[in-house]
């Protein structure tokens, strides 16, 4: 996986694609981790990077149909969670 803007996260350890921070359960009142797709691969963005990096979503893939970034990589396909558009591998 090529990091968007930061250290590489090992494939066997989920973490933030921007800073490499290991996953954790955030405070229930705070923002959640964002699940997205970058370069066709599923990635996570931590709450701190969402708050501290104004352009954190710039490197994410976008839906070809609606332009949204709420994408999931599922069994080789990329599915938009906003409009349901599916792009095959």
C-alpha atoms as a PDB file:
ATOM      1  CA  UNK A   1       0.000   0.000   0.000  1.00  0.00           C
ATOM      2  CA  UNK A   2       1.320   3.446  -0.862  1.00  0.00           C
ATOM      3  CA  UNK A   3       0.649   5.898   1.998  1.00  0.00           C
ATOM      4  CA  UNK A   4      -1.181   9.076   1.099  1.00  0.00           C
ATOM      5  CA  UNK A   5       0.991  11.293   3.282  1.00  0.00           C
ATOM      6  CA  UNK A   6       2.867   9.501   5.979  1.00  0.00           C
ATOM      7  CA  UNK A   7       4.403   6.286   7.192  1.00  0.00           C
ATOM      8  CA  UNK A   8       3.567   2.898   5.766  1.00  0.00           C
ATOM      9  CA  UNK A   9       1.141   0.799   7.850  1.00  0.00           C
ATOM     10  CA  UNK A  10       2.091  -2.914   7.789  1.00  0.00           C
ATOM     11  CA  UNK A  11      -0.523  -5.084   6.064  1.00  0.00           C
ATOM     12  CA  UNK A  12      -0.944  -7.264   9.174  1.00  0.00           C
ATOM     13  CA  UNK A  13      -1.704  -4.301  11.468  1.00  0.00           C
ATOM     14  CA  UNK A  14      -4.586  -1.944  10.718  1.00  0.00           C
ATOM     15  CA  UNK A  15      -3.823   1.706  11.254  1.00  0.00           C
ATOM     16  CA  UNK A  16      -4.178   5.201   9.875  1.00  0.00           C
ATOM     17  CA  UNK A  17      -2.942   5.520   6.301  1.00  0.00           C
ATOM     18  CA  UNK A  18      -1.757   9.086   6.997  1.00  0.00           C
ATOM     19  CA  UNK A  19       0.110   8.816  10.308  1.00  0.00           C
ATOM     20  CA  UNK A  20       0.429   5.074  10.949  1.00  0.00           C
ATOM     21  CA  UNK A  21      -1.383   5.275  14.317  1.00  0.00           C
ATOM     22  CA  UNK A  22      -2.709   1.870  15.374  1.00  0.00           C
ATOM     23  CA  UNK A  23      -6.479   1.531  15.530  1.00  0.00           C
ATOM     24  CA  UNK A  24      -8.265   2.190  18.817  1.00  0.00           C
ATOM     25  CA  UNK A  25     -11.814   2.851  19.980  1.00  0.00           C
ATOM     26  CA  UNK A  26     -12.327   6.628  20.088  1.00  0.00           C
ATOM     27  CA  UNK A  27     -14.456   8.420  22.661  1.00  0.00           C
ATOM     28  CA  UNK A  28     -18.133   7.881  21.814  1.00  0.00           C
ATOM     29  CA  UNK A  29     -18.677  11.644  21.597  1.00  0.00           C
ATOM     30  CA  UNK A  30     -15.737  12.156  19.233  1.00  0.00           C
ATOM     31  CA  UNK A  31     -15.341  11.413  15.538  1.00  0.00           C
ATOM     32  CA  UNK A  32     -14.990   7.804  14.417  1.00  0.00           C
ATOM     33  CA  UNK A  33     -12.304   6.345  12.196  1.00  0.00           C
ATOM     34  CA  UNK A  34     -13.102   6.845   8.498  1.00  0.00           C
ATOM     35  CA  UNK A  35     -13.078   3.803   6.230  1.00  0.00           C
ATOM     36  CA  UNK A  36     -12.262   4.768   2.654  1.00  0.00           C
ATOM     37  CA  UNK A  37     -10.461   3.598  -0.493  1.00  0.00           C
ATOM     38  CA  UNK A  38      -7.157   4.936  -1.848  1.00  0.00           C
ATOM     39  CA  UNK A  39      -5.575   3.530  -5.010  1.00  0.00           C
ATOM     40  CA  UNK A  40      -8.236   0.806  -5.025  1.00  0.00           C
ATOM     41  CA  UNK A  41      -7.367  -0.436  -1.521  1.00  0.00           C
ATOM     42  CA  UNK A  42      -9.310  -0.171   1.728  1.00  0.00           C
ATOM     43  CA  UNK A  43      -7.724   2.339   4.147  1.00  0.00           C
ATOM     44  CA  UNK A  44      -8.489   3.889   7.538  1.00  0.00           C
ATOM     45  CA  UNK A  45      -8.072   7.530   8.619  1.00  0.00           C
ATOM     46  CA  UNK A  46      -7.854   8.236  12.354  1.00  0.00           C
ATOM     47  CA  UNK A  47      -9.885  10.925  14.134  1.00  0.00           C
ATOM     48  CA  UNK A  48      -6.745  12.993  14.852  1.00  0.00           C
ATOM     49  CA  UNK A  49      -5.751  13.209  11.168  1.00  0.00           C
ATOM     50  CA  UNK A  50      -9.335  14.133  10.239  1.00  0.00           C
ATOM     51  CA  UNK A  51      -9.188  16.960  12.762  1.00  0.00           C
ATOM     52  CA  UNK A  52      -5.599  18.148  12.197  1.00  0.00           C
ATOM     53  CA  UNK A  53      -5.111  17.726   8.412  1.00  0.00           C
ATOM     54  CA  UNK A  54      -7.420  19.944   6.406  1.00  0.00           C
ATOM     55  CA  UNK A  55      -6.841  18.079   3.125  1.00  0.00           C
ATOM     56  CA  UNK A  56      -6.943  14.567   4.565  1.00  0.00           C
ATOM     57  CA  UNK A  57      -9.518  13.374   2.000  1.00  0.00           C
ATOM     58  CA  UNK A  58      -7.696  14.744  -1.061  1.00  0.00           C
ATOM     59  CA  UNK A  59      -5.895  11.448  -1.816  1.00  0.00           C
ATOM     60  CA  UNK A  60      -8.959   9.228  -1.493  1.00  0.00           C
ATOM     61  CA  UNK A  61     -10.617   7.562  -4.478  1.00  0.00           C
ATOM     62  CA  UNK A  62     -13.962   9.014  -5.538  1.00  0.00           C
ATOM     63  CA  UNK A  63     -17.089   7.369  -6.882  1.00  0.00           C
ATOM     64  CA  UNK A  64     -17.330   7.623 -10.669  1.00  0.00           C
ATOM     65  CA  UNK A  65     -21.090   8.126 -10.366  1.00  0.00           C
ATOM     66  CA  UNK A  66     -21.661  10.579  -7.490  1.00  0.00           C
ATOM     67  CA  UNK A  67     -18.141  11.800  -6.632  1.00  0.00           C
ATOM     68  CA  UNK A  68     -18.409  10.666  -3.001  1.00  0.00           C
ATOM     69  CA  UNK A  69     -15.507   9.284  -0.975  1.00  0.00           C
ATOM     70  CA  UNK A  70     -17.541   6.850   1.157  1.00  0.00           C
ATOM     71  CA  UNK A  71     -16.185   3.798  -0.669  1.00  0.00           C
ATOM     72  CA  UNK A  72     -15.518   0.235   0.459  1.00  0.00           C
ATOM     73  CA  UNK A  73     -13.280  -2.346  -1.192  1.00  0.00           C
ATOM     74  CA  UNK A  74     -15.184  -5.641  -1.133  1.00  0.00           C
ATOM     75  CA  UNK A  75     -13.921  -8.835  -2.788  1.00  0.00           C
ATOM     76  CA  UNK A  76     -12.076  -6.943  -5.513  1.00  0.00           C
ATOM     77  CA  UNK A  77     -14.884  -4.465  -6.178  1.00  0.00           C
ATOM     78  CA  UNK A  78     -15.136  -0.881  -4.968  1.00  0.00           C
ATOM     79  CA  UNK A  79     -18.641  -0.033  -3.769  1.00  0.00           C
ATOM     80  CA  UNK A  80     -19.942   3.479  -3.045  1.00  0.00           C
ATOM     81  CA  UNK A  81     -21.778   3.564   0.275  1.00  0.00           C
ATOM     82  CA  UNK A  82     -23.610   6.737  -0.804  1.00  0.00           C
ATOM     83  CA  UNK A  83     -25.145   5.739  -4.152  1.00  0.00           C
ATOM     84  CA  UNK A  84     -24.382   2.008  -4.451  1.00  0.00           C
ATOM     85  CA  UNK A  85     -22.301   2.315  -7.649  1.00  0.00           C
ATOM     86  CA  UNK A  86     -19.916  -0.659  -8.019  1.00  0.00           C
ATOM     87  CA  UNK A  87     -16.623  -0.661  -9.904  1.00  0.00           C
ATOM     88  CA  UNK A  88     -15.127  -4.082 -10.679  1.00  0.00           C
ATOM     89  CA  UNK A  89     -11.477  -4.908 -10.080  1.00  0.00           C
END
